[in-house]
């Protein structure tokens, strides 16, 4: 974690807004955590992957400087486990006493499943438990803190909530549910809490991936196929999270932002 040297610095940290980012060990979540630190937030990073989560916090400290950065801590949690989520939120309450932003990013990022007639029920349940129920549990246990701060929730959905490929039922159902969940929450939690979602398209996570060998290079043709001329980056998503959490977005709630470089508007003839 980032450390403070004296009472003055500790007091300054206590006055900062606080963000909780799930699935923050790598990829989009890690970029969101970095961006919110840069926006002046104290950030609680959470992930089921403790090794990479701790490394992310250490790297943030090196990148931003211990004295320049607000405090950031890592708390391991499986968002599909309610007791884990309760412990996570209690950590936020005890450490900071407030919460201004919840980013539900944790998820099993594996869209392809077996054919529906052979799709294992345990696999289906695991994906929905993490990608959808996890967001429900985090909101459920964070809502009291968020109400106190007139806070924000940003759910990281997917363009697969709007368009699909064969054999992606579990992931698509989870992300479609998350987008609909966003809309319902905005009605239930307003006006104190704003709730929005982001549906990223093709995001190259290699810049935010510890195991670089696991990430394939993106072909030039893939960039060119996008109307904007490139695939997305985690930093693109993080920038939109920062906007949605800001006062500049005070009139925005219940919205789903499709961030796919224009791909969902592109007609393709074969």
C-alpha atoms as a PDB file:
ATOM      1  CA  UNK A   1       0.000   0.000   0.000  1.00  0.00           C
ATOM      2  CA  UNK A   2       1.031   3.633  -0.223  1.00  0.00           C
ATOM      3  CA  UNK A   3       2.235   4.921   3.114  1.00  0.00           C
ATOM      4  CA  UNK A   4       1.929   8.331   4.716  1.00  0.00           C
ATOM      5  CA  UNK A   5       4.814   9.837   6.669  1.00  0.00           C
ATOM      6  CA  UNK A   6       3.068  12.166   9.084  1.00  0.00           C
ATOM      7  CA  UNK A   7      -0.227  13.314  10.538  1.00  0.00           C
ATOM      8  CA  UNK A   8      -0.608  16.086   7.977  1.00  0.00           C
ATOM      9  CA  UNK A   9      -0.383  13.670   5.058  1.00  0.00           C
ATOM     10  CA  UNK A  10      -2.736  11.252   6.820  1.00  0.00           C
ATOM     11  CA  UNK A  11      -5.304  14.023   7.264  1.00  0.00           C
ATOM     12  CA  UNK A  12      -5.016  14.998   3.594  1.00  0.00           C
ATOM     13  CA  UNK A  13      -5.635  11.408   2.545  1.00  0.00           C
ATOM     14  CA  UNK A  14      -8.685  11.165   4.810  1.00  0.00           C
ATOM     15  CA  UNK A  15     -10.240  14.129   2.971  1.00  0.00           C
ATOM     16  CA  UNK A  16      -9.960  12.552  -0.468  1.00  0.00           C
ATOM     17  CA  UNK A  17     -12.776  10.893  -2.327  1.00  0.00           C
ATOM     18  CA  UNK A  18     -12.610   7.097  -2.282  1.00  0.00           C
ATOM     19  CA  UNK A  19     -13.092   4.627  -5.128  1.00  0.00           C
ATOM     20  CA  UNK A  20     -13.497   0.854  -4.960  1.00  0.00           C
ATOM     21  CA  UNK A  21     -12.498  -0.933  -8.167  1.00  0.00           C
ATOM     22  CA  UNK A  22     -13.138  -4.663  -8.475  1.00  0.00           C
ATOM     23  CA  UNK A  23     -11.182  -6.858 -10.869  1.00  0.00           C
ATOM     24  CA  UNK A  24      -8.329  -4.370 -10.489  1.00  0.00           C
ATOM     25  CA  UNK A  25      -5.315  -6.696 -10.634  1.00  0.00           C
ATOM     26  CA  UNK A  26      -4.904  -6.378 -14.406  1.00  0.00           C
ATOM     27  CA  UNK A  27      -6.546  -5.153 -17.577  1.00  0.00           C
ATOM     28  CA  UNK A  28      -9.314  -2.551 -17.538  1.00  0.00           C
ATOM     29  CA  UNK A  29      -9.633  -2.585 -13.760  1.00  0.00           C
ATOM     30  CA  UNK A  30      -5.977  -1.800 -13.287  1.00  0.00           C
ATOM     31  CA  UNK A  31      -6.193   1.129 -15.726  1.00  0.00           C
ATOM     32  CA  UNK A  32      -9.278   2.448 -13.947  1.00  0.00           C
ATOM     33  CA  UNK A  33      -7.502   2.278 -10.585  1.00  0.00           C
ATOM     34  CA  UNK A  34      -4.520   4.184 -11.990  1.00  0.00           C
ATOM     35  CA  UNK A  35      -6.764   6.840 -13.549  1.00  0.00           C
ATOM     36  CA  UNK A  36      -8.745   7.402 -10.368  1.00  0.00           C
ATOM     37  CA  UNK A  37      -5.525   7.730  -8.358  1.00  0.00           C
ATOM     38  CA  UNK A  38      -4.515  10.369 -10.894  1.00  0.00           C
ATOM     39  CA  UNK A  39      -7.875  12.067 -10.377  1.00  0.00           C
ATOM     40  CA  UNK A  40      -7.029  12.461  -6.698  1.00  0.00           C
ATOM     41  CA  UNK A  41      -8.990   9.546  -5.273  1.00  0.00           C
ATOM     42  CA  UNK A  42      -7.867   7.123  -2.632  1.00  0.00           C
ATOM     43  CA  UNK A  43      -8.433   3.757  -4.273  1.00  0.00           C
ATOM     44  CA  UNK A  44      -9.262   0.331  -2.920  1.00  0.00           C
ATOM     45  CA  UNK A  45      -8.267  -2.261  -5.504  1.00  0.00           C
ATOM     46  CA  UNK A  46      -9.872  -5.677  -5.222  1.00  0.00           C
ATOM     47  CA  UNK A  47      -9.437  -8.907  -7.126  1.00  0.00           C
ATOM     48  CA  UNK A  48      -9.456 -12.653  -6.569  1.00  0.00           C
ATOM     49  CA  UNK A  49      -5.837 -12.658  -7.818  1.00  0.00           C
ATOM     50  CA  UNK A  50      -3.879 -11.502  -4.770  1.00  0.00           C
ATOM     51  CA  UNK A  51      -0.423 -11.832  -6.333  1.00  0.00           C
ATOM     52  CA  UNK A  52      -1.116  -9.514  -9.230  1.00  0.00           C
ATOM     53  CA  UNK A  53      -3.269  -7.246  -7.093  1.00  0.00           C
ATOM     54  CA  UNK A  54      -0.427  -6.563  -4.678  1.00  0.00           C
ATOM     55  CA  UNK A  55       1.965  -6.048  -7.583  1.00  0.00           C
ATOM     56  CA  UNK A  56      -0.423  -3.503  -9.095  1.00  0.00           C
ATOM     57  CA  UNK A  57      -0.444  -1.456  -5.884  1.00  0.00           C
ATOM     58  CA  UNK A  58       3.365  -1.601  -5.730  1.00  0.00           C
ATOM     59  CA  UNK A  59       3.625  -0.492  -9.349  1.00  0.00           C
ATOM     60  CA  UNK A  60       1.243   2.419  -8.774  1.00  0.00           C
ATOM     61  CA  UNK A  61       3.461   3.555  -5.931  1.00  0.00           C
ATOM     62  CA  UNK A  62       6.546   3.500  -8.159  1.00  0.00           C
ATOM     63  CA  UNK A  63       4.784   5.204 -11.074  1.00  0.00           C
ATOM     64  CA  UNK A  64       3.214   8.014  -9.067  1.00  0.00           C
ATOM     65  CA  UNK A  65       5.615   8.439  -6.160  1.00  0.00           C
ATOM     66  CA  UNK A  66       4.791   7.658  -2.555  1.00  0.00           C
ATOM     67  CA  UNK A  67       4.561  11.287  -1.574  1.00  0.00           C
ATOM     68  CA  UNK A  68       2.568  12.414  -4.615  1.00  0.00           C
ATOM     69  CA  UNK A  69       0.005   9.645  -4.647  1.00  0.00           C
ATOM     70  CA  UNK A  70      -3.016   9.231  -2.414  1.00  0.00           C
ATOM     71  CA  UNK A  71      -3.203   6.024  -0.455  1.00  0.00           C
ATOM     72  CA  UNK A  72      -4.108   2.856  -2.356  1.00  0.00           C
ATOM     73  CA  UNK A  73      -4.661  -0.550  -0.860  1.00  0.00           C
ATOM     74  CA  UNK A  74      -5.382  -3.995  -2.194  1.00  0.00           C
ATOM     75  CA  UNK A  75      -8.008  -6.274  -0.636  1.00  0.00           C
ATOM     76  CA  UNK A  76      -8.477  -9.779  -1.993  1.00  0.00           C
ATOM     77  CA  UNK A  77     -12.105 -10.723  -2.569  1.00  0.00           C
ATOM     78  CA  UNK A  78     -14.195 -13.094  -4.657  1.00  0.00           C
ATOM     79  CA  UNK A  79     -17.165 -10.924  -5.618  1.00  0.00           C
ATOM     80  CA  UNK A  80     -19.387 -13.975  -6.055  1.00  0.00           C
ATOM     81  CA  UNK A  81     -18.995 -14.728  -2.325  1.00  0.00           C
ATOM     82  CA  UNK A  82     -21.191 -12.505  -0.150  1.00  0.00           C
ATOM     83  CA  UNK A  83     -19.025 -12.915   2.945  1.00  0.00           C
ATOM     84  CA  UNK A  84     -15.975 -11.841   0.937  1.00  0.00           C
ATOM     85  CA  UNK A  85     -17.836  -8.776  -0.321  1.00  0.00           C
ATOM     86  CA  UNK A  86     -18.963  -7.885   3.190  1.00  0.00           C
ATOM     87  CA  UNK A  87     -15.364  -8.066   4.403  1.00  0.00           C
ATOM     88  CA  UNK A  88     -14.224  -5.967   1.469  1.00  0.00           C
ATOM     89  CA  UNK A  89     -16.718  -3.208   2.165  1.00  0.00           C
ATOM     90  CA  UNK A  90     -15.940  -3.301   5.870  1.00  0.00           C
ATOM     91  CA  UNK A  91     -12.290  -2.727   4.941  1.00  0.00           C
ATOM     92  CA  UNK A  92     -13.339   0.361   2.994  1.00  0.00           C
ATOM     93  CA  UNK A  93     -15.417   1.628   5.897  1.00  0.00           C
ATOM     94  CA  UNK A  94     -12.737   1.040   8.514  1.00  0.00           C
ATOM     95  CA  UNK A  95      -9.883   2.434   6.429  1.00  0.00           C
ATOM     96  CA  UNK A  96     -11.567   5.474   4.914  1.00  0.00           C
ATOM     97  CA  UNK A  97     -15.029   5.904   6.413  1.00  0.00           C
ATOM     98  CA  UNK A  98     -16.529   6.814   3.056  1.00  0.00           C
ATOM     99  CA  UNK A  99     -17.051   5.632  -0.519  1.00  0.00           C
ATOM    100  CA  UNK A 100     -17.680   7.895  -3.500  1.00  0.00           C
ATOM    101  CA  UNK A 101     -17.303   5.545  -6.470  1.00  0.00           C
ATOM    102  CA  UNK A 102     -17.897   1.839  -7.008  1.00  0.00           C
ATOM    103  CA  UNK A 103     -16.590   0.374 -10.277  1.00  0.00           C
ATOM    104  CA  UNK A 104     -17.945  -3.131 -10.857  1.00  0.00           C
ATOM    105  CA  UNK A 105     -15.344  -4.488 -13.253  1.00  0.00           C
ATOM    106  CA  UNK A 106     -14.675  -7.989 -11.881  1.00  0.00           C
ATOM    107  CA  UNK A 107     -15.668 -10.701 -14.290  1.00  0.00           C
ATOM    108  CA  UNK A 108     -14.673 -13.887 -16.055  1.00  0.00           C
ATOM    109  CA  UNK A 109     -13.596 -12.509 -19.420  1.00  0.00           C
ATOM    110  CA  UNK A 110     -14.161 -15.653 -21.470  1.00  0.00           C
ATOM    111  CA  UNK A 111     -17.021 -15.082 -23.912  1.00  0.00           C
ATOM    112  CA  UNK A 112     -16.903 -18.452 -25.671  1.00  0.00           C
ATOM    113  CA  UNK A 113     -18.697 -21.434 -24.175  1.00  0.00           C
ATOM    114  CA  UNK A 114     -19.620 -24.886 -25.407  1.00  0.00           C
ATOM    115  CA  UNK A 115     -22.647 -25.367 -27.610  1.00  0.00           C
ATOM    116  CA  UNK A 116     -25.783 -24.722 -25.575  1.00  0.00           C
ATOM    117  CA  UNK A 117     -26.741 -28.413 -25.548  1.00  0.00           C
ATOM    118  CA  UNK A 118     -23.433 -29.323 -23.896  1.00  0.00           C
ATOM    119  CA  UNK A 119     -22.816 -26.196 -21.813  1.00  0.00           C
ATOM    120  CA  UNK A 120     -22.033 -27.296 -18.277  1.00  0.00           C
ATOM    121  CA  UNK A 121     -24.392 -25.860 -15.662  1.00  0.00           C
ATOM    122  CA  UNK A 122     -21.531 -25.208 -13.250  1.00  0.00           C
ATOM    123  CA  UNK A 123     -19.751 -23.133 -15.917  1.00  0.00           C
ATOM    124  CA  UNK A 124     -22.942 -21.157 -16.620  1.00  0.00           C
ATOM    125  CA  UNK A 125     -23.499 -20.515 -12.911  1.00  0.00           C
ATOM    126  CA  UNK A 126     -19.885 -19.492 -12.291  1.00  0.00           C
ATOM    127  CA  UNK A 127     -19.906 -16.867 -15.048  1.00  0.00           C
ATOM    128  CA  UNK A 128     -23.231 -15.368 -13.960  1.00  0.00           C
ATOM    129  CA  UNK A 129     -22.182 -15.465 -10.298  1.00  0.00           C
ATOM    130  CA  UNK A 130     -19.038 -13.466 -10.992  1.00  0.00           C
ATOM    131  CA  UNK A 131     -20.066 -11.170 -13.846  1.00  0.00           C
ATOM    132  CA  UNK A 132     -23.596 -10.332 -12.673  1.00  0.00           C
ATOM    133  CA  UNK A 133     -24.285 -11.456  -9.116  1.00  0.00           C
ATOM    134  CA  UNK A 134     -20.925 -10.031  -8.060  1.00  0.00           C
ATOM    135  CA  UNK A 135     -22.060  -6.555  -9.120  1.00  0.00           C
ATOM    136  CA  UNK A 136     -25.317  -7.023  -7.221  1.00  0.00           C
ATOM    137  CA  UNK A 137     -23.474  -8.013  -4.043  1.00  0.00           C
ATOM    138  CA  UNK A 138     -21.071  -5.099  -4.270  1.00  0.00           C
ATOM    139  CA  UNK A 139     -23.874  -2.591  -4.749  1.00  0.00           C
ATOM    140  CA  UNK A 140     -25.935  -4.192  -2.000  1.00  0.00           C
ATOM    141  CA  UNK A 141     -23.186  -3.775   0.576  1.00  0.00           C
ATOM    142  CA  UNK A 142     -21.794  -0.445  -0.704  1.00  0.00           C
ATOM    143  CA  UNK A 143     -25.063   1.419  -1.080  1.00  0.00           C
ATOM    144  CA  UNK A 144     -25.156   2.813   2.465  1.00  0.00           C
ATOM    145  CA  UNK A 145     -21.716   4.398   2.069  1.00  0.00           C
ATOM    146  CA  UNK A 146     -22.543   5.645  -1.423  1.00  0.00           C
ATOM    147  CA  UNK A 147     -25.728   7.328  -0.200  1.00  0.00           C
ATOM    148  CA  UNK A 148     -23.758   9.243   2.409  1.00  0.00           C
ATOM    149  CA  UNK A 149     -21.483  10.714  -0.272  1.00  0.00           C
ATOM    150  CA  UNK A 150     -24.029  11.087  -3.128  1.00  0.00           C
ATOM    151  CA  UNK A 151     -21.777   8.662  -4.934  1.00  0.00           C
ATOM    152  CA  UNK A 152     -21.581   6.866  -8.249  1.00  0.00           C
ATOM    153  CA  UNK A 153     -21.684   3.323  -9.560  1.00  0.00           C
ATOM    154  CA  UNK A 154     -20.102   2.441 -12.903  1.00  0.00           C
ATOM    155  CA  UNK A 155     -20.648  -1.097 -14.183  1.00  0.00           C
ATOM    156  CA  UNK A 156     -18.289  -2.446 -16.848  1.00  0.00           C
ATOM    157  CA  UNK A 157     -20.515  -4.372 -19.230  1.00  0.00           C
ATOM    158  CA  UNK A 158     -19.696  -5.338 -22.834  1.00  0.00           C
ATOM    159  CA  UNK A 159     -20.882  -4.776 -26.380  1.00  0.00           C
ATOM    160  CA  UNK A 160     -21.849  -8.431 -26.210  1.00  0.00           C
ATOM    161  CA  UNK A 161     -24.861  -7.214 -24.245  1.00  0.00           C
ATOM    162  CA  UNK A 162     -26.032  -5.788 -27.599  1.00  0.00           C
ATOM    163  CA  UNK A 163     -24.508  -8.076 -30.253  1.00  0.00           C
ATOM    164  CA  UNK A 164     -23.330 -11.678 -30.200  1.00  0.00           C
ATOM    165  CA  UNK A 165     -21.420 -14.511 -31.784  1.00  0.00           C
ATOM    166  CA  UNK A 166     -22.347 -18.204 -31.669  1.00  0.00           C
ATOM    167  CA  UNK A 167     -21.738 -20.063 -28.419  1.00  0.00           C
ATOM    168  CA  UNK A 168     -21.421 -17.058 -26.098  1.00  0.00           C
ATOM    169  CA  UNK A 169     -24.648 -17.494 -24.131  1.00  0.00           C
ATOM    170  CA  UNK A 170     -23.309 -17.412 -20.563  1.00  0.00           C
ATOM    171  CA  UNK A 171     -21.122 -14.329 -20.922  1.00  0.00           C
ATOM    172  CA  UNK A 172     -23.697 -12.536 -23.067  1.00  0.00           C
ATOM    173  CA  UNK A 173     -26.486 -13.245 -20.588  1.00  0.00           C
ATOM    174  CA  UNK A 174     -24.357 -11.953 -17.718  1.00  0.00           C
ATOM    175  CA  UNK A 175     -23.394  -8.742 -19.521  1.00  0.00           C
ATOM    176  CA  UNK A 176     -26.914  -8.196 -20.822  1.00  0.00           C
ATOM    177  CA  UNK A 177     -28.163  -8.600 -17.282  1.00  0.00           C
ATOM    178  CA  UNK A 178     -25.552  -6.148 -16.010  1.00  0.00           C
ATOM    179  CA  UNK A 179     -26.680  -3.504 -18.495  1.00  0.00           C
ATOM    180  CA  UNK A 180     -30.320  -3.964 -17.481  1.00  0.00           C
ATOM    181  CA  UNK A 181     -29.306  -4.023 -13.808  1.00  0.00           C
ATOM    182  CA  UNK A 182     -27.683  -0.623 -14.338  1.00  0.00           C
ATOM    183  CA  UNK A 183     -30.911   0.872 -15.633  1.00  0.00           C
ATOM    184  CA  UNK A 184     -32.959  -0.553 -12.755  1.00  0.00           C
ATOM    185  CA  UNK A 185     -30.458   0.633 -10.141  1.00  0.00           C
ATOM    186  CA  UNK A 186     -30.516   4.176 -11.520  1.00  0.00           C
ATOM    187  CA  UNK A 187     -34.254   4.290 -10.876  1.00  0.00           C
ATOM    188  CA  UNK A 188     -33.967   2.753  -7.409  1.00  0.00           C
ATOM    189  CA  UNK A 189     -30.969   4.690  -6.101  1.00  0.00           C
ATOM    190  CA  UNK A 190     -31.523   8.160  -7.551  1.00  0.00           C
ATOM    191  CA  UNK A 191     -31.282  11.000  -6.952  1.00  0.00           C
ATOM    192  CA  UNK A 192     -28.554  10.407  -4.353  1.00  0.00           C
ATOM    193  CA  UNK A 193     -26.599   7.830  -6.374  1.00  0.00           C
ATOM    194  CA  UNK A 194     -26.014   7.902 -10.118  1.00  0.00           C
ATOM    195  CA  UNK A 195     -25.547   4.540 -11.882  1.00  0.00           C
ATOM    196  CA  UNK A 196     -24.189   4.068 -15.399  1.00  0.00           C
ATOM    197  CA  UNK A 197     -22.527   1.327 -17.419  1.00  0.00           C
ATOM    198  CA  UNK A 198     -19.852   1.143 -20.079  1.00  0.00           C
ATOM    199  CA  UNK A 199     -19.960  -1.478 -22.831  1.00  0.00           C
ATOM    200  CA  UNK A 200     -16.442  -1.790 -24.267  1.00  0.00           C
ATOM    201  CA  UNK A 201     -15.815  -3.471 -27.580  1.00  0.00           C
ATOM    202  CA  UNK A 202     -12.392  -4.745 -28.610  1.00  0.00           C
ATOM    203  CA  UNK A 203      -9.979  -3.590 -25.895  1.00  0.00           C
ATOM    204  CA  UNK A 204      -6.297  -4.522 -26.182  1.00  0.00           C
ATOM    205  CA  UNK A 205      -5.349  -5.164 -22.554  1.00  0.00           C
ATOM    206  CA  UNK A 206      -1.667  -5.905 -23.264  1.00  0.00           C
ATOM    207  CA  UNK A 207      -0.553  -2.597 -21.751  1.00  0.00           C
ATOM    208  CA  UNK A 208      -2.222  -3.584 -18.479  1.00  0.00           C
ATOM    209  CA  UNK A 209      -1.339  -7.283 -18.414  1.00  0.00           C
ATOM    210  CA  UNK A 210       1.418  -8.728 -16.243  1.00  0.00           C
ATOM    211  CA  UNK A 211       1.727 -11.920 -18.257  1.00  0.00           C
ATOM    212  CA  UNK A 212       2.500 -10.293 -21.608  1.00  0.00           C
ATOM    213  CA  UNK A 213       3.106 -13.670 -23.247  1.00  0.00           C
ATOM    214  CA  UNK A 214      -0.590 -14.464 -22.781  1.00  0.00           C
ATOM    215  CA  UNK A 215      -1.678 -11.481 -24.893  1.00  0.00           C
ATOM    216  CA  UNK A 216      -1.590 -11.815 -28.669  1.00  0.00           C
ATOM    217  CA  UNK A 217      -0.376  -8.937 -30.832  1.00  0.00           C
ATOM    218  CA  UNK A 218      -3.192  -7.051 -32.537  1.00  0.00           C
ATOM    219  CA  UNK A 219      -2.887  -7.162 -36.318  1.00  0.00           C
ATOM    220  CA  UNK A 220      -2.856  -3.901 -38.275  1.00  0.00           C
ATOM    221  CA  UNK A 221      -5.968  -5.113 -40.102  1.00  0.00           C
ATOM    222  CA  UNK A 222      -7.837  -5.273 -36.818  1.00  0.00           C
ATOM    223  CA  UNK A 223      -7.031  -1.648 -36.097  1.00  0.00           C
ATOM    224  CA  UNK A 224      -7.982  -0.583 -39.613  1.00  0.00           C
ATOM    225  CA  UNK A 225     -11.305  -2.429 -39.429  1.00  0.00           C
ATOM    226  CA  UNK A 226     -12.497  -0.008 -36.733  1.00  0.00           C
ATOM    227  CA  UNK A 227     -14.043   3.262 -37.936  1.00  0.00           C
ATOM    228  CA  UNK A 228     -11.731   5.195 -35.576  1.00  0.00           C
ATOM    229  CA  UNK A 229      -8.668   3.399 -36.988  1.00  0.00           C
ATOM    230  CA  UNK A 230      -7.621   1.430 -33.915  1.00  0.00           C
ATOM    231  CA  UNK A 231      -8.801  -0.988 -31.252  1.00  0.00           C
ATOM    232  CA  UNK A 232      -9.481   0.353 -27.784  1.00  0.00           C
ATOM    233  CA  UNK A 233      -7.202   0.501 -24.760  1.00  0.00           C
ATOM    234  CA  UNK A 234      -7.905   0.154 -21.042  1.00  0.00           C
ATOM    235  CA  UNK A 235      -7.027   3.838 -20.689  1.00  0.00           C
ATOM    236  CA  UNK A 236      -9.953   4.688 -22.993  1.00  0.00           C
ATOM    237  CA  UNK A 237     -12.363   2.942 -20.648  1.00  0.00           C
ATOM    238  CA  UNK A 238     -10.731   4.500 -17.596  1.00  0.00           C
ATOM    239  CA  UNK A 239     -11.188   7.984 -19.056  1.00  0.00           C
ATOM    240  CA  UNK A 240     -14.908   7.400 -19.457  1.00  0.00           C
ATOM    241  CA  UNK A 241     -15.165   6.083 -15.892  1.00  0.00           C
ATOM    242  CA  UNK A 242     -13.508   9.280 -14.666  1.00  0.00           C
ATOM    243  CA  UNK A 243     -15.988  11.392 -16.618  1.00  0.00           C
ATOM    244  CA  UNK A 244     -19.012   9.484 -15.332  1.00  0.00           C
ATOM    245  CA  UNK A 245     -17.765   9.884 -11.769  1.00  0.00           C
ATOM    246  CA  UNK A 246     -17.260  13.626 -12.175  1.00  0.00           C
ATOM    247  CA  UNK A 247     -19.603  16.545 -11.641  1.00  0.00           C
ATOM    248  CA  UNK A 248     -19.515  17.103 -15.402  1.00  0.00           C
ATOM    249  CA  UNK A 249     -21.750  14.026 -15.672  1.00  0.00           C
ATOM    250  CA  UNK A 250     -24.196  15.124 -12.962  1.00  0.00           C
ATOM    251  CA  UNK A 251     -27.133  14.887 -15.423  1.00  0.00           C
ATOM    252  CA  UNK A 252     -26.204  11.360 -16.547  1.00  0.00           C
ATOM    253  CA  UNK A 253     -27.717   8.254 -14.972  1.00  0.00           C
ATOM    254  CA  UNK A 254     -29.156   4.982 -16.220  1.00  0.00           C
ATOM    255  CA  UNK A 255     -27.066   5.253 -19.382  1.00  0.00           C
ATOM    256  CA  UNK A 256     -25.036   2.587 -21.144  1.00  0.00           C
ATOM    257  CA  UNK A 257     -22.075   3.938 -23.080  1.00  0.00           C
ATOM    258  CA  UNK A 258     -21.066   1.732 -26.017  1.00  0.00           C
ATOM    259  CA  UNK A 259     -17.313   2.210 -26.475  1.00  0.00           C
ATOM    260  CA  UNK A 260     -16.313   0.185 -29.502  1.00  0.00           C
ATOM    261  CA  UNK A 261     -14.669   2.549 -31.968  1.00  0.00           C
ATOM    262  CA  UNK A 262     -17.862   2.660 -34.005  1.00  0.00           C
ATOM    263  CA  UNK A 263     -17.979  -1.068 -34.732  1.00  0.00           C
ATOM    264  CA  UNK A 264     -21.618  -1.522 -33.726  1.00  0.00           C
ATOM    265  CA  UNK A 265     -22.576   1.124 -36.299  1.00  0.00           C
ATOM    266  CA  UNK A 266     -20.590  -0.384 -39.145  1.00  0.00           C
ATOM    267  CA  UNK A 267     -22.354  -2.380 -41.852  1.00  0.00           C
ATOM    268  CA  UNK A 268     -20.327  -5.382 -43.029  1.00  0.00           C
ATOM    269  CA  UNK A 269     -21.107  -7.289 -46.228  1.00  0.00           C
ATOM    270  CA  UNK A 270     -19.379 -10.586 -46.964  1.00  0.00           C
END
